[in-house]
Amino acid sequence: MKFKNNHSQPDKTPARRRFIKALALSTAAIAGTAMLASPQVMAAKVQTWKVQSTWDAGTIGYTLFDEWANSMEEKTNGALKIKAFPAKSIIADNNGLFEAVRNGVIQGMNPFTLYWSGKIPASVFLSSYPAGPDQPAQWDMMYYKLGMLEKTREIYKKHGLFYVGPIQHDSNVIHSKKPITSLADLKGMKIRLPGGMVAEVFQKFGVSSVSLPGSDIFPALEKGTIDAADFVGPAVNWELGFAQVTDYLAFGPPGMTSLYQPVDLMDLTVNLRAWNMLDDKTKAIVEQEVRNYSQNHYLSIQDANILAMQKFKDAGSTVTRMSQQDVEEFRKAAIPIWFEWANKDKDARDIFKIQLDYMMNDLIGYVSPEDIKGLELKEFKD
């Protein structure tokens, strides 16, 4: 019996220990799972962002953005809720919007990127500018393959912001009371323009530029205090009633609806602290979903534009076109102004240099060495 006991004891003791250890681990795992699943813990992980768009409620632009924002809770498995708000619903003006996001009053914004040219000179080069890159694919290339996204994020970080990504929108078009078939027709006209670089180039062709918020354009056209107005694309402009107060839409040559702002980019920008509170997996999802939304927004707007153009035509509006020669003349006038804005600070210079190299590449060929002869980019100290 002792012989048997001596052999059975070593078998029972490790088994007993393994059983106890396994039970302990199982109990700990169950407790851990309960903690992770508890509402208190889950609530602590969920982030909620208030994001104000520059789109007015009821426009196709805001409807698209609101739908996307509402989809993010499911796409991030509940880690992030985005509550969209239309223009002026929380913050009354654009300058206030910039500061509100930077200071964390709200967590994000969906603006037109070039709004910030007074605060961030480089932002004039973060969306299309007069006679610069004029195709949406060119901008996606610069952002996602040529280093412009990383550089933009460096710039925004200085302001306590995180630039998540560009959002393709549309061209800006001019609605006019008289036909515009060449640059010569612009002389003496009073046109609502966004200011900055765009206004400076138009002024070279005898235009008196006027800066007005979108809500003031219709009454200004109706009263005749301006002859024409630039704003976004046909779909939104139809909703704003521009066909009632103008007779013409002034486009560039076929394939180019706008000489001066053919790729009007928006973006999603968020408070840097709010961004850093997300885990890496959720950050990656948000970045990818902004890219997905950019494509959906652009295609949806273009689809709506096709329908809107028929509505303009049925209402009696006429499309007029400028020529490729006008494009080249407009670019010639714009190039010195490009350099003036690029030389405002190092960040503007660095962004523009990416674009200039791209435009001078034979694949694009918009700019030749002869075009920039005598123009130089400043050297800035790091």
Protein backbone atom coordinates (compact mmCIF):
# COMPACT_ATOMS: atom_id res chain seq x y z
CA MET A 1 0.00 0.00 0.00
CA LYS A 2 2.81 2.40 0.81
CA PHE A 3 4.32 1.67 -2.60
CA LYS A 4 1.07 2.61 -4.27
CA ASN A 5 0.60 5.69 -2.13
CA ASN A 6 4.08 6.94 -2.93
CA HIS A 7 3.29 6.80 -6.63
CA SER A 8 -0.25 8.23 -6.46
CA GLN A 9 0.64 11.24 -4.34
CA PRO A 10 2.83 12.97 -6.94
CA ASP A 11 0.00 12.58 -9.48
CA LYS A 12 -2.72 14.06 -7.24
CA THR A 13 -0.78 17.10 -5.94
CA PRO A 14 0.03 18.73 -9.31
CA ALA A 15 -3.47 17.98 -10.52
CA ARG A 16 -4.95 19.65 -7.47
CA ARG A 17 -2.66 22.65 -7.95
CA ARG A 18 -3.51 22.93 -11.62
CA PHE A 19 -7.20 22.82 -10.79
CA ILE A 20 -6.91 25.56 -8.16
CA LYS A 21 -4.77 27.72 -10.46
CA ALA A 22 -7.18 27.30 -13.35
CA LEU A 23 -10.11 28.17 -11.11
CA ALA A 24 -8.38 31.32 -9.93
CA LEU A 25 -7.54 32.42 -13.47
CA SER A 26 -11.07 31.71 -14.61
CA THR A 27 -12.52 33.74 -11.74
CA ALA A 28 -10.18 36.64 -12.52
CA ALA A 29 -11.09 36.51 -16.19
CA ILE A 30 -14.79 36.57 -15.41
CA ALA A 31 -14.31 39.50 -13.06
CA GLY A 32 -12.24 41.33 -15.65
CA THR A 33 -14.84 40.76 -18.32
CA ALA A 34 -17.54 42.04 -16.00
CA MET A 35 -15.53 45.20 -15.38
CA LEU A 36 -14.98 45.79 -19.09
CA ALA A 37 -18.63 45.24 -19.82
CA SER A 38 -19.90 47.43 -17.01
CA PRO A 39 -21.70 50.61 -18.14
CA GLN A 40 -19.37 52.76 -16.05
CA VAL A 41 -16.23 51.47 -17.75
CA MET A 42 -17.77 51.53 -21.21
CA ALA A 43 -19.00 55.09 -20.72
CA ALA A 44 -15.51 56.20 -19.76
CA LYS A 45 -14.17 54.96 -23.09
CA VAL A 46 -16.79 56.61 -25.29
CA GLN A 47 -15.87 60.03 -26.69
CA THR A 48 -18.49 62.47 -27.94
CA TRP A 49 -17.58 65.23 -30.36
CA LYS A 50 -19.70 68.26 -31.16
CA VAL A 51 -18.75 69.25 -34.72
CA GLN A 52 -20.12 72.38 -36.38
CA SER A 53 -20.26 72.53 -40.16
CA THR A 54 -20.26 75.66 -42.28
CA TRP A 55 -23.23 74.28 -44.19
CA ASP A 56 -26.63 75.78 -43.46
CA ALA A 57 -29.32 73.40 -42.24
CA GLY A 58 -31.45 72.01 -45.03
CA THR A 59 -28.76 72.17 -47.73
CA ILE A 60 -27.51 69.02 -49.42
CA GLY A 61 -24.06 69.73 -47.96
CA TYR A 62 -25.29 69.63 -44.39
CA THR A 63 -27.57 66.64 -44.97
CA LEU A 64 -24.62 64.61 -46.27
CA PHE A 65 -22.39 65.63 -43.36
CA ASP A 66 -25.04 64.91 -40.75
CA GLU A 67 -25.62 61.43 -42.17
CA TRP A 68 -21.90 60.70 -42.07
CA ALA A 69 -21.53 62.00 -38.50
CA ASN A 70 -24.41 59.81 -37.31
CA SER A 71 -22.78 56.74 -38.83
CA MET A 72 -19.54 57.04 -36.87
CA GLU A 73 -20.76 55.55 -33.59
CA GLU A 74 -21.47 52.22 -35.28
CA LYS A 75 -18.32 52.34 -37.41
CA THR A 76 -16.12 52.88 -34.34
CA ASN A 77 -17.94 50.18 -32.34
CA GLY A 78 -19.28 52.81 -29.97
CA ALA A 79 -15.92 54.43 -29.21
CA LEU A 80 -16.83 57.77 -30.82
CA LYS A 81 -20.09 59.65 -31.22
CA ILE A 82 -20.14 62.66 -33.52
CA LYS A 83 -22.98 65.14 -33.15
CA ALA A 84 -23.22 67.41 -36.20
CA PHE A 85 -24.46 71.01 -36.00
CA PRO A 86 -25.25 73.36 -38.92
CA ALA A 87 -23.66 76.76 -39.47
CA LYS A 88 -24.05 79.32 -36.68
CA SER A 89 -26.03 76.94 -34.46
CA ILE A 90 -23.42 76.97 -31.67
CA ILE A 91 -20.73 79.41 -32.82
CA ALA A 92 -21.97 82.47 -34.69
CA ASP A 93 -19.06 83.25 -37.04
CA ASN A 94 -16.04 81.65 -38.66
CA ASN A 95 -13.41 83.37 -36.51
CA GLY A 96 -15.28 82.22 -33.44
CA LEU A 97 -15.48 78.70 -34.83
CA PHE A 98 -11.72 78.45 -35.19
CA GLU A 99 -11.16 79.62 -31.62
CA ALA A 100 -13.96 77.46 -30.21
CA VAL A 101 -12.40 74.29 -31.60
CA ARG A 102 -8.89 75.30 -30.58
CA ASN A 103 -10.04 76.03 -27.02
CA GLY A 104 -12.19 72.89 -26.75
CA VAL A 105 -15.57 74.66 -26.51
CA ILE A 106 -16.59 72.24 -29.25
CA GLN A 107 -14.49 69.36 -30.46
CA GLY A 108 -14.47 69.83 -34.23
CA MET A 109 -15.42 71.74 -37.36
CA ASN A 110 -16.22 71.02 -41.00
CA PRO A 111 -15.18 74.26 -42.73
CA PHE A 112 -13.96 75.39 -46.11
CA THR A 113 -10.23 75.20 -45.48
CA LEU A 114 -9.25 78.54 -47.00
CA TYR A 115 -11.32 80.40 -44.40
CA TRP A 116 -8.22 80.58 -42.23
CA SER A 117 -5.92 82.53 -44.56
CA GLY A 118 -5.81 85.39 -42.05
CA LYS A 119 -4.73 83.05 -39.24
CA ILE A 120 -2.78 80.45 -41.23
CA PRO A 121 -1.39 81.92 -44.50
CA ALA A 122 -0.58 78.40 -45.70
CA SER A 123 -4.31 77.62 -45.81
CA VAL A 124 -4.65 79.45 -49.14
CA PHE A 125 -2.66 76.55 -50.57
CA LEU A 126 -4.73 73.85 -48.84
CA SER A 127 -7.58 74.25 -51.31
CA SER A 128 -7.49 75.25 -54.97
CA TYR A 129 -6.39 78.76 -55.82
CA PRO A 130 -6.39 80.79 -59.06
CA ALA A 131 -5.07 78.70 -61.99
CA GLY A 132 -3.32 76.20 -59.70
CA PRO A 133 -3.96 72.43 -59.61
CA ASP A 134 -7.49 72.08 -60.94
CA GLN A 135 -8.47 68.40 -60.66
CA PRO A 136 -9.68 66.63 -57.48
CA ALA A 137 -7.30 63.72 -58.11
CA GLN A 138 -4.35 66.13 -58.13
CA TRP A 139 -5.25 67.32 -54.65
CA ASP A 140 -5.67 63.79 -53.31
CA MET A 141 -2.27 62.99 -54.82
CA MET A 142 -0.59 65.94 -53.09
CA TYR A 143 -2.23 65.23 -49.74
CA TYR A 144 -1.87 61.47 -49.59
CA LYS A 145 1.28 60.76 -51.61
CA LEU A 146 3.44 63.87 -51.76
CA GLY A 147 3.57 64.69 -48.04
CA MET A 148 1.08 67.56 -47.89
CA LEU A 149 -1.14 65.90 -45.29
CA GLU A 150 1.73 65.41 -42.86
CA LYS A 151 2.92 68.99 -43.37
CA THR A 152 -0.61 70.34 -42.88
CA ARG A 153 -0.93 68.43 -39.61
CA GLU A 154 2.35 69.93 -38.39
CA ILE A 155 1.00 73.42 -39.11
CA TYR A 156 -2.35 72.83 -37.40
CA LYS A 157 -0.69 71.26 -34.37
CA LYS A 158 0.89 74.65 -33.61
CA HIS A 159 -2.66 75.95 -33.12
CA GLY A 160 -3.81 73.10 -30.88
CA LEU A 161 -5.70 71.46 -33.76
CA PHE A 162 -5.56 68.16 -35.61
CA TYR A 163 -6.30 68.26 -39.34
CA VAL A 164 -7.92 64.87 -39.95
CA GLY A 165 -8.16 65.17 -43.72
CA PRO A 166 -9.45 67.01 -46.79
CA ILE A 167 -13.03 66.59 -47.97
CA GLN A 168 -13.64 66.99 -51.70
CA HIS A 169 -16.56 69.27 -52.39
CA ASP A 170 -17.02 71.01 -55.74
CA SER A 171 -16.02 73.93 -57.95
CA ASN A 172 -17.00 77.49 -57.18
CA VAL A 173 -18.95 79.15 -59.99
CA ILE A 174 -19.88 82.73 -60.87
CA HIS A 175 -23.51 83.74 -61.36
CA SER A 176 -23.82 86.93 -63.36
CA LYS A 177 -26.40 89.40 -64.62
CA LYS A 178 -24.52 89.75 -67.93
CA PRO A 179 -22.61 87.24 -70.08
CA ILE A 180 -18.92 86.64 -69.36
CA THR A 181 -17.21 85.05 -72.36
CA SER A 182 -13.66 86.31 -71.82
CA LEU A 183 -11.49 87.91 -69.18
CA ALA A 184 -12.04 91.24 -70.95
CA ASP A 185 -15.73 91.08 -70.00
CA LEU A 186 -14.76 91.27 -66.32
CA LYS A 187 -13.51 94.85 -66.54
CA GLY A 188 -15.63 97.23 -64.49
CA MET A 189 -17.74 94.51 -62.85
CA LYS A 190 -18.47 94.44 -59.14
CA ILE A 191 -18.26 90.79 -58.05
CA ARG A 192 -18.69 89.07 -54.72
CA LEU A 193 -15.46 87.06 -54.22
CA PRO A 194 -13.91 85.25 -51.24
CA GLY A 195 -11.08 87.77 -50.86
CA GLY A 196 -7.40 86.99 -50.43
CA MET A 197 -5.57 85.57 -53.40
CA VAL A 198 -8.72 85.15 -55.52
CA ALA A 199 -9.73 88.79 -55.18
CA GLU A 200 -6.19 89.98 -55.89
CA VAL A 201 -6.05 88.12 -59.21
CA PHE A 202 -9.49 89.30 -60.32
CA GLN A 203 -8.53 92.88 -59.50
CA LYS A 204 -5.80 92.61 -62.14
CA PHE A 205 -8.58 92.31 -64.71
CA GLY A 206 -10.45 95.42 -63.57
CA VAL A 207 -12.86 93.77 -61.13
CA SER A 208 -14.07 95.54 -58.03
CA SER A 209 -14.28 92.75 -55.46
CA VAL A 210 -16.79 92.66 -52.63
CA SER A 211 -16.65 90.36 -49.61
CA LEU A 212 -20.04 89.09 -48.46
CA PRO A 213 -21.19 86.10 -46.40
CA GLY A 214 -23.25 83.56 -48.29
CA SER A 215 -26.52 84.68 -46.72
CA ASP A 216 -26.07 88.22 -48.09
CA ILE A 217 -25.43 87.27 -51.72
CA PHE A 218 -29.04 86.87 -52.87
CA PRO A 219 -30.25 90.28 -51.62
CA ALA A 220 -27.13 91.98 -53.04
CA LEU A 221 -27.79 90.48 -56.47
CA GLU A 222 -31.49 91.27 -56.20
CA LYS A 223 -30.85 94.94 -55.36
CA GLY A 224 -28.13 95.24 -58.02
CA THR A 225 -25.43 96.31 -55.58
CA ILE A 226 -23.22 93.66 -57.20
CA ASP A 227 -23.14 92.49 -60.82
CA ALA A 228 -22.13 88.92 -60.15
CA ALA A 229 -21.24 86.57 -57.35
CA ASP A 230 -18.98 83.64 -56.82
CA PHE A 231 -20.25 80.93 -54.52
CA VAL A 232 -20.18 77.15 -54.42
CA GLY A 233 -21.60 74.82 -57.11
CA PRO A 234 -24.89 74.71 -59.02
CA ALA A 235 -26.74 72.35 -56.65
CA VAL A 236 -26.37 74.54 -53.57
CA ASN A 237 -26.68 77.78 -55.53
CA TRP A 238 -29.99 76.59 -56.99
CA GLU A 239 -31.23 75.99 -53.44
CA LEU A 240 -30.18 79.55 -52.58
CA GLY A 241 -32.30 80.97 -55.40
CA PHE A 242 -29.58 82.45 -57.60
CA ALA A 243 -31.56 81.66 -60.77
CA GLN A 244 -34.11 84.24 -59.64
CA VAL A 245 -31.61 87.11 -59.60
CA THR A 246 -29.06 86.24 -62.33
CA ASP A 247 -29.22 85.12 -65.97
CA TYR A 248 -25.80 83.55 -66.59
CA LEU A 249 -23.38 81.00 -65.14
CA ALA A 250 -19.79 81.84 -66.10
CA PHE A 251 -17.63 78.73 -66.57
CA GLY A 252 -14.14 78.07 -67.86
CA PRO A 253 -13.49 75.98 -70.98
CA PRO A 254 -15.14 72.56 -71.31
CA GLY A 255 -14.20 70.35 -68.36
CA MET A 256 -13.44 73.33 -66.10
CA THR A 257 -16.32 75.08 -64.39
CA SER A 258 -14.03 77.49 -62.53
CA LEU A 259 -10.76 79.26 -63.40
CA TYR A 260 -10.13 80.47 -59.90
CA GLN A 261 -11.35 77.77 -57.50
CA PRO A 262 -12.03 74.51 -59.35
CA VAL A 263 -11.45 72.24 -56.34
CA ASP A 264 -13.05 73.87 -53.32
CA LEU A 265 -11.89 71.66 -50.47
CA MET A 266 -13.47 71.33 -47.07
CA ASP A 267 -11.97 69.35 -44.20
CA LEU A 268 -12.54 67.81 -40.80
CA THR A 269 -10.46 69.52 -38.13
CA VAL A 270 -10.67 68.66 -34.43
CA ASN A 271 -9.28 69.83 -31.13
CA LEU A 272 -5.87 68.23 -30.62
CA ARG A 273 -6.62 67.11 -27.06
CA ALA A 274 -9.87 65.50 -28.18
CA TRP A 275 -8.01 63.66 -30.94
CA ASN A 276 -5.35 62.40 -28.56
CA MET A 277 -8.02 60.92 -26.27
CA LEU A 278 -8.92 58.39 -28.98
CA ASP A 279 -7.14 55.05 -29.08
CA ASP A 280 -5.04 54.25 -32.14
CA LYS A 281 -7.60 51.90 -33.65
CA THR A 282 -10.35 54.52 -33.47
CA LYS A 283 -8.04 57.18 -34.91
CA ALA A 284 -7.33 54.94 -37.89
CA ILE A 285 -11.05 54.36 -38.44
CA VAL A 286 -11.81 58.09 -38.33
CA GLU A 287 -9.04 58.90 -40.81
CA GLN A 288 -10.23 56.25 -43.24
CA GLU A 289 -13.86 57.26 -42.88
CA VAL A 290 -12.99 60.87 -43.69
CA ARG A 291 -11.43 59.64 -46.92
CA ASN A 292 -14.52 57.57 -47.65
CA TYR A 293 -16.79 60.50 -46.86
CA SER A 294 -14.74 62.80 -49.11
CA GLN A 295 -15.49 60.61 -52.09
CA ASN A 296 -19.17 60.18 -51.21
CA HIS A 297 -19.64 63.90 -50.60
CA TYR A 298 -17.99 64.83 -53.90
CA LEU A 299 -19.91 62.31 -55.98
CA SER A 300 -23.22 63.19 -54.33
CA ILE A 301 -22.69 66.88 -55.00
CA GLN A 302 -21.73 66.23 -58.63
CA ASP A 303 -24.86 64.12 -59.09
CA ALA A 304 -26.97 66.92 -57.62
CA ASN A 305 -25.19 69.43 -59.89
CA ILE A 306 -26.34 67.59 -63.00
CA LEU A 307 -29.96 67.87 -61.89
CA ALA A 308 -29.49 71.48 -60.83
CA MET A 309 -28.05 72.50 -64.20
CA GLN A 310 -31.21 71.30 -65.89
CA LYS A 311 -33.23 73.36 -63.42
CA PHE A 312 -31.14 76.46 -64.21
CA LYS A 313 -31.67 75.85 -67.93
CA ASP A 314 -35.42 75.40 -67.47
CA ALA A 315 -35.48 78.66 -65.51
CA GLY A 316 -33.88 80.49 -68.45
CA SER A 317 -30.26 80.66 -67.26
CA THR A 318 -27.46 80.43 -69.84
CA VAL A 319 -23.97 78.97 -69.46
CA THR A 320 -21.14 81.07 -70.90
CA ARG A 321 -17.57 79.82 -71.23
CA MET A 322 -14.15 81.38 -71.28
CA SER A 323 -11.39 79.84 -73.38
CA GLN A 324 -8.19 77.92 -72.75
CA GLN A 325 -6.38 81.10 -73.73
CA ASP A 326 -8.17 82.83 -70.86
CA VAL A 327 -6.94 80.10 -68.52
CA GLU A 328 -3.34 80.69 -69.59
CA GLU A 329 -3.69 84.46 -69.26
CA PHE A 330 -5.30 84.06 -65.83
CA ARG A 331 -2.43 81.80 -64.71
CA LYS A 332 0.14 84.28 -65.96
CA ALA A 333 -1.47 86.98 -63.82
CA ALA A 334 -1.79 84.64 -60.84
CA ILE A 335 1.75 83.25 -60.62
CA PRO A 336 3.38 86.35 -59.03
CA ILE A 337 0.56 86.41 -56.48
CA TRP A 338 1.20 82.72 -55.69
CA PHE A 339 4.75 83.65 -54.75
CA GLU A 340 3.67 86.65 -52.67
CA TRP A 341 1.43 84.42 -50.55
CA ALA A 342 4.01 81.63 -50.38
CA ASN A 343 6.56 84.07 -49.00
CA LYS A 344 4.34 85.15 -46.10
CA ASP A 345 5.84 82.48 -43.82
CA LYS A 346 7.76 79.22 -43.83
CA ASP A 347 4.68 77.02 -43.63
CA ALA A 348 3.08 78.65 -46.67
CA ARG A 349 6.37 78.35 -48.54
CA ASP A 350 6.73 74.65 -47.71
CA ILE A 351 3.18 73.77 -48.80
CA PHE A 352 3.47 75.76 -52.00
CA LYS A 353 6.84 74.18 -52.85
CA ILE A 354 5.18 70.74 -52.87
CA GLN A 355 2.59 72.06 -55.31
CA LEU A 356 4.99 74.01 -57.50
CA ASP A 357 7.21 70.96 -57.99
CA TYR A 358 4.12 68.94 -58.89
CA MET A 359 2.83 71.53 -61.39
CA MET A 360 6.27 71.78 -63.01
CA ASN A 361 6.54 68.01 -63.40
CA ASP A 362 6.01 67.01 -67.02
CA LEU A 363 3.09 64.81 -65.93
CA ILE A 364 1.16 68.03 -65.16
CA GLY A 365 3.03 70.72 -67.09
CA TYR A 366 1.06 73.72 -65.84
CA VAL A 367 4.16 75.78 -65.06
CA SER A 368 7.46 76.07 -66.90
CA PRO A 369 10.79 77.54 -65.75
CA GLU A 370 10.08 80.50 -68.04
CA ASP A 371 6.79 81.17 -66.20
CA ILE A 372 8.55 81.71 -62.87
CA LYS A 373 11.65 83.48 -64.16
CA GLY A 374 12.68 86.19 -61.69
CA LEU A 375 10.43 84.86 -58.92
CA GLU A 376 11.96 83.26 -55.84
CA LEU A 377 10.84 81.60 -52.64
CA LYS A 378 12.28 83.02 -49.43
CA GLU A 379 14.57 81.14 -47.14
CA PHE A 380 13.18 80.98 -43.59
CA LYS A 381 15.04 80.00 -40.46
CA ASP A 382 13.79 76.79 -38.82
